[in-house]
Amino acid sequence: DAVKAVWKRDVYACVRCSIDLRHKRGECAIHHIESFANKAKRAQVSNLVLLCKPCHLWVHSRKNINKEFLA
């Protein structure tokens, strides 16, 4: 249910680059802003964002110097 809510809230697009992901479900990720290890927030829609694969990789890279989409 949380995944469906995130897709709808984020209008089926990557929140970082805005690419339409409707027909690219295998090329995207639901990203946890606070770590997946935080069980209390694991499935909270407010802790999740829709990202395309390149943006998801960028979020977890050293290039993300401002720690966007990370808590």
Protein backbone atom coordinates (compact mmCIF):
# COMPACT_ATOMS: atom_id res chain seq x y z
CA ASP A 1 0.00 0.00 0.00
CA ALA A 2 2.83 2.41 0.84
CA VAL A 3 4.50 1.80 -2.54
CA LYS A 4 1.27 2.54 -4.41
CA ALA A 5 0.79 5.71 -2.36
CA VAL A 6 4.33 6.90 -3.16
CA TRP A 7 3.84 6.30 -6.90
CA LYS A 8 0.63 8.30 -6.82
CA ARG A 9 1.98 11.10 -4.59
CA ASP A 10 5.09 11.52 -6.76
CA VAL A 11 2.94 11.54 -9.90
CA TYR A 12 4.72 8.50 -11.36
CA ALA A 13 7.95 10.49 -11.85
CA CYS A 14 11.42 10.62 -10.33
CA VAL A 15 11.39 13.32 -7.65
CA ARG A 16 14.93 14.38 -8.56
CA CYS A 17 14.95 14.56 -12.37
CA SER A 18 11.20 14.36 -13.11
CA ILE A 19 11.50 11.58 -15.69
CA ASP A 20 8.17 9.79 -16.21
CA LEU A 21 8.47 6.28 -14.76
CA ARG A 22 5.03 4.91 -15.65
CA HIS A 23 6.41 2.51 -18.23
CA LYS A 24 9.78 1.99 -16.55
CA ARG A 25 8.90 0.22 -13.30
CA GLY A 26 11.99 -1.96 -13.55
CA GLU A 27 14.16 1.13 -13.88
CA CYS A 28 13.24 2.85 -10.63
CA ALA A 29 13.42 2.52 -6.86
CA ILE A 30 11.41 3.47 -3.84
CA HIS A 31 14.09 5.14 -1.73
CA HIS A 32 14.03 5.32 2.08
CA ILE A 33 15.05 8.79 3.27
CA GLU A 34 15.76 7.43 6.75
CA SER A 35 17.47 4.06 6.71
CA PHE A 36 15.50 0.89 5.99
CA ALA A 37 16.90 -0.31 9.34
CA ASN A 38 14.55 2.14 11.08
CA LYS A 39 11.62 -0.26 11.37
CA ALA A 40 9.24 2.41 12.69
CA LYS A 41 9.60 4.48 9.48
CA ARG A 42 10.23 1.67 7.00
CA ALA A 43 6.78 1.80 5.40
CA GLN A 44 5.81 5.40 6.16
CA VAL A 45 4.96 7.20 2.93
CA SER A 46 6.58 10.37 4.29
CA ASN A 47 9.90 8.48 4.49
CA LEU A 48 9.78 7.24 0.90
CA VAL A 49 10.44 8.86 -2.48
CA LEU A 50 10.33 7.58 -6.05
CA LEU A 51 13.64 7.78 -7.90
CA CYS A 52 14.88 6.51 -11.26
CA LYS A 53 17.88 4.16 -11.03
CA PRO A 54 20.49 6.77 -12.05
CA CYS A 55 19.18 9.24 -9.45
CA HIS A 56 19.01 6.54 -6.79
CA LEU A 57 22.64 5.67 -7.46
CA TRP A 58 23.53 9.38 -7.31
CA VAL A 59 21.77 9.81 -3.93
CA HIS A 60 24.00 7.10 -2.45
CA SER A 61 27.17 8.39 -4.11
CA ARG A 62 29.86 10.82 -2.99
CA LYS A 63 28.55 13.28 -5.57
CA ASN A 64 25.56 13.92 -3.31
CA ILE A 65 27.51 16.41 -1.21
CA ASN A 66 24.37 18.06 0.21
CA LYS A 67 22.98 14.67 1.28
CA GLU A 68 19.75 15.19 -0.69
CA PHE A 69 17.06 12.61 0.11
CA LEU A 70 19.06 11.36 3.09
CA ALA A 71 18.40 11.91 6.77
